[in-house]
Structures are given as C-alpha cells and as structure tokens.
N, C-alpha and C. Protein backbone atom coordinates (compact mmCIF):
# COMPACT_ATOMS: atom_id res chain seq x y z
N MET A 1 17.18 -2.75 42.46
CA MET A 1 16.59 -2.76 41.14
C MET A 1 17.51 -2.04 40.15
N PRO A 2 18.44 -2.75 39.58
CA PRO A 2 19.39 -2.10 38.69
C PRO A 2 18.78 -1.68 37.35
N GLY A 3 17.74 -2.32 36.88
CA GLY A 3 17.15 -1.99 35.58
C GLY A 3 16.29 -0.74 35.60
N ARG A 4 15.95 -0.27 36.75
CA ARG A 4 15.03 0.86 36.87
C ARG A 4 15.61 2.15 36.29
N GLY A 5 16.86 2.43 36.55
CA GLY A 5 17.49 3.66 36.07
C GLY A 5 17.59 3.72 34.56
N ARG A 6 17.91 2.60 33.94
CA ARG A 6 18.09 2.56 32.48
C ARG A 6 16.77 2.84 31.76
N SER A 7 15.69 2.19 32.20
CA SER A 7 14.41 2.39 31.52
C SER A 7 13.91 3.81 31.73
N THR A 8 14.15 4.38 32.89
CA THR A 8 13.75 5.75 33.14
C THR A 8 14.51 6.70 32.22
N PHE A 9 15.81 6.43 32.06
CA PHE A 9 16.62 7.25 31.17
C PHE A 9 16.11 7.15 29.73
N ASN A 10 15.78 5.95 29.29
CA ASN A 10 15.26 5.75 27.93
C ASN A 10 13.94 6.48 27.73
N LYS A 11 13.08 6.40 28.73
CA LYS A 11 11.80 7.10 28.65
C LYS A 11 12.02 8.60 28.55
N ARG A 12 12.95 9.11 29.33
CA ARG A 12 13.25 10.54 29.30
C ARG A 12 13.80 10.95 27.93
N GLN A 13 14.67 10.11 27.37
CA GLN A 13 15.23 10.41 26.06
C GLN A 13 14.12 10.44 24.99
N LYS A 14 13.21 9.48 25.07
CA LYS A 14 12.10 9.45 24.11
C LYS A 14 11.23 10.69 24.24
N GLU A 15 10.92 11.05 25.47
CA GLU A 15 10.08 12.22 25.71
C GLU A 15 10.77 13.49 25.22
N MET A 16 12.06 13.60 25.47
CA MET A 16 12.81 14.76 25.00
C MET A 16 12.79 14.82 23.47
N SER A 17 12.91 13.67 22.84
CA SER A 17 12.87 13.59 21.38
C SER A 17 11.50 14.03 20.86
N ARG A 18 10.44 13.56 21.52
CA ARG A 18 9.08 13.96 21.13
C ARG A 18 8.89 15.46 21.25
N GLN A 19 9.34 16.03 22.35
CA GLN A 19 9.21 17.47 22.56
C GLN A 19 9.97 18.25 21.50
N GLU A 20 11.16 17.79 21.16
CA GLU A 20 11.95 18.46 20.13
C GLU A 20 11.23 18.41 18.78
N LYS A 21 10.65 17.27 18.45
CA LYS A 21 9.90 17.14 17.20
C LYS A 21 8.71 18.09 17.19
N ARG A 22 8.02 18.21 18.34
CA ARG A 22 6.88 19.13 18.44
C ARG A 22 7.33 20.57 18.20
N ARG A 23 8.46 20.93 18.80
CA ARG A 23 8.97 22.30 18.62
C ARG A 23 9.33 22.56 17.15
N GLU A 24 9.99 21.59 16.52
CA GLU A 24 10.36 21.74 15.12
C GLU A 24 9.12 21.85 14.24
N LYS A 25 8.13 21.04 14.52
CA LYS A 25 6.89 21.07 13.74
C LYS A 25 6.18 22.41 13.90
N ALA A 26 6.13 22.91 15.14
CA ALA A 26 5.51 24.21 15.39
C ALA A 26 6.27 25.32 14.67
N ALA A 27 7.59 25.23 14.65
CA ALA A 27 8.40 26.24 13.96
C ALA A 27 8.14 26.20 12.45
N ARG A 28 8.03 25.00 11.87
CA ARG A 28 7.73 24.89 10.44
C ARG A 28 6.34 25.44 10.13
N LYS A 29 5.39 25.14 11.01
CA LYS A 29 4.02 25.63 10.81
C LYS A 29 3.99 27.16 10.86
N GLN A 30 4.70 27.74 11.82
CA GLN A 30 4.76 29.19 11.95
C GLN A 30 5.43 29.79 10.71
N GLN A 31 6.48 29.15 10.21
CA GLN A 31 7.18 29.66 9.03
C GLN A 31 6.25 29.65 7.82
N ARG A 32 5.49 28.57 7.63
CA ARG A 32 4.55 28.49 6.51
C ARG A 32 3.49 29.59 6.64
N LYS A 33 3.03 29.82 7.86
CA LYS A 33 2.02 30.85 8.10
C LYS A 33 2.57 32.22 7.72
N LEU A 34 3.81 32.51 8.11
CA LEU A 34 4.42 33.79 7.77
C LEU A 34 4.62 33.93 6.27
N GLU A 35 5.05 32.85 5.62
CA GLU A 35 5.24 32.89 4.17
C GLU A 35 3.91 33.12 3.46
N LYS A 36 2.86 32.50 3.96
CA LYS A 36 1.54 32.66 3.36
C LYS A 36 1.07 34.11 3.50
N GLN A 37 1.27 34.69 4.69
CA GLN A 37 0.89 36.08 4.90
C GLN A 37 1.72 37.00 4.02
N ALA A 38 3.00 36.73 3.88
CA ALA A 38 3.87 37.54 3.04
C ALA A 38 3.43 37.44 1.58
N GLY A 39 2.95 36.30 1.18
CA GLY A 39 2.46 36.11 -0.20
C GLY A 39 1.24 36.96 -0.47
N PHE A 40 0.37 37.12 0.51
CA PHE A 40 -0.82 37.93 0.33
C PHE A 40 -0.49 39.42 0.34
N LEU A 41 0.53 39.80 1.08
CA LEU A 41 0.90 41.21 1.17
C LEU A 41 1.68 41.68 -0.04
N GLY A 42 2.37 40.79 -0.73
CA GLY A 42 3.17 41.16 -1.89
C GLY A 42 2.28 41.49 -3.08
N SER A 43 2.83 42.24 -4.03
CA SER A 43 2.07 42.58 -5.23
C SER A 43 2.02 41.37 -6.15
N PRO A 44 1.02 41.27 -7.02
CA PRO A 44 0.89 40.11 -7.89
C PRO A 44 2.08 39.93 -8.81
N GLY A 45 2.75 41.01 -9.21
CA GLY A 45 3.88 40.91 -10.11
C GLY A 45 5.19 40.73 -9.39
N ASP A 46 5.17 40.64 -8.07
CA ASP A 46 6.39 40.52 -7.29
C ASP A 46 6.94 39.11 -7.45
N SER A 47 8.16 38.99 -7.96
CA SER A 47 8.74 37.67 -8.20
C SER A 47 9.52 37.15 -7.00
N THR A 48 9.60 37.93 -5.92
CA THR A 48 10.36 37.48 -4.75
C THR A 48 9.58 36.47 -3.92
N THR A 49 8.25 36.45 -4.04
CA THR A 49 7.46 35.50 -3.28
C THR A 49 7.23 34.26 -4.13
N ALA A 50 7.48 33.12 -3.58
CA ALA A 50 7.28 31.86 -4.29
C ALA A 50 5.87 31.39 -3.98
N GLU A 51 4.99 31.53 -4.95
CA GLU A 51 3.61 31.13 -4.76
C GLU A 51 3.32 29.91 -5.61
N SER A 52 2.57 29.00 -5.08
CA SER A 52 2.17 27.84 -5.85
C SER A 52 0.94 28.24 -6.68
N PRO A 53 0.77 27.62 -7.83
CA PRO A 53 -0.40 27.96 -8.64
C PRO A 53 -1.69 27.58 -7.92
N GLY A 54 -2.68 28.40 -8.07
CA GLY A 54 -3.96 28.16 -7.41
C GLY A 54 -4.72 27.03 -8.07
N PRO A 55 -5.89 26.74 -7.56
CA PRO A 55 -6.70 25.68 -8.15
C PRO A 55 -7.19 26.08 -9.54
N ASP A 56 -7.44 25.11 -10.37
CA ASP A 56 -7.91 25.36 -11.72
C ASP A 56 -9.37 25.81 -11.64
N LEU A 57 -9.60 27.08 -11.91
CA LEU A 57 -10.94 27.64 -11.79
C LEU A 57 -11.80 27.35 -13.01
N SER A 58 -11.21 26.87 -14.09
CA SER A 58 -11.99 26.61 -15.29
C SER A 58 -13.00 25.48 -15.05
N ARG A 59 -12.67 24.53 -14.19
CA ARG A 59 -13.60 23.44 -13.90
C ARG A 59 -14.68 23.86 -12.91
N SER A 60 -14.43 24.90 -12.12
CA SER A 60 -15.43 25.30 -11.14
C SER A 60 -16.65 25.94 -11.80
N GLN A 61 -16.52 26.35 -13.06
CA GLN A 61 -17.65 26.94 -13.76
C GLN A 61 -18.72 25.89 -14.08
N GLY A 62 -18.37 24.63 -13.98
CA GLY A 62 -19.31 23.55 -14.27
C GLY A 62 -20.52 23.57 -13.36
N ALA A 63 -20.40 24.17 -12.20
CA ALA A 63 -21.53 24.24 -11.29
C ALA A 63 -22.59 25.19 -11.81
N PHE A 64 -22.21 26.14 -12.67
CA PHE A 64 -23.14 27.15 -13.16
C PHE A 64 -23.51 26.92 -14.62
N ALA A 65 -22.62 26.35 -15.39
CA ALA A 65 -22.86 26.12 -16.80
C ALA A 65 -23.17 24.63 -17.01
N PRO A 66 -24.03 24.31 -17.97
CA PRO A 66 -24.33 22.90 -18.22
C PRO A 66 -23.09 22.19 -18.76
N ASP A 67 -22.96 20.94 -18.39
CA ASP A 67 -21.84 20.14 -18.83
C ASP A 67 -22.10 19.71 -20.28
N PRO A 68 -21.18 19.99 -21.20
CA PRO A 68 -21.42 19.66 -22.61
C PRO A 68 -21.46 18.15 -22.86
N ASP A 69 -20.92 17.35 -21.99
CA ASP A 69 -20.90 15.89 -22.17
C ASP A 69 -22.22 15.25 -21.79
N VAL A 70 -23.06 15.97 -21.05
CA VAL A 70 -24.32 15.41 -20.58
C VAL A 70 -25.45 15.95 -21.45
N SER A 71 -26.25 15.05 -21.99
CA SER A 71 -27.35 15.50 -22.82
C SER A 71 -28.46 16.09 -21.95
N GLN A 72 -29.07 17.17 -22.43
CA GLN A 72 -30.15 17.84 -21.69
C GLN A 72 -31.47 17.22 -22.11
N GLU A 73 -32.23 16.76 -21.13
CA GLU A 73 -33.55 16.19 -21.41
C GLU A 73 -34.61 17.18 -20.99
N ASN A 74 -35.56 17.44 -21.87
CA ASN A 74 -36.67 18.34 -21.55
C ASN A 74 -37.89 17.51 -21.20
N ASP A 75 -38.55 17.86 -20.13
CA ASP A 75 -39.75 17.13 -19.70
C ASP A 75 -40.99 17.71 -20.29
C-alpha cells in the first residue's frame, strides 16, 4: 500500500497545523486578558495603557427617563 504513508503524513501535518493555531489563539487570548487587567490597574490619567472607549452611557438613561420622541398617554 504505497499511498498509506503519504495520507498519514498529510493528516499529521494538518493536525500539527491545527495544534499550532490553537496555541497561537490561546497566547493571543492570554495577552488580551493581561492587557485588560493592566488597564484596570492603571490610573485613569495614565496614557501608557491603550483603552478603547466604553459604551455610550447617554443612551442607557432611556430605561429610567421617558423617551422624548414617544408621546405620554394618560389613562
């Protein structure tokens, strides 16, 4: 069976590639986790941490305040 060795080699190469991708992904995930923790530990005025802007909190007040676009009906 001459074809058996080649397909086994290809399968091994694919599996090795998958494992390498998993390791790289885990390393990126760990790096993001460390950066996130470092962002929380830094002072708010610290310019060394690159933080993305948070969610727009001005729209979250809509849950507590009436929406001005919606007319209020009294029963």
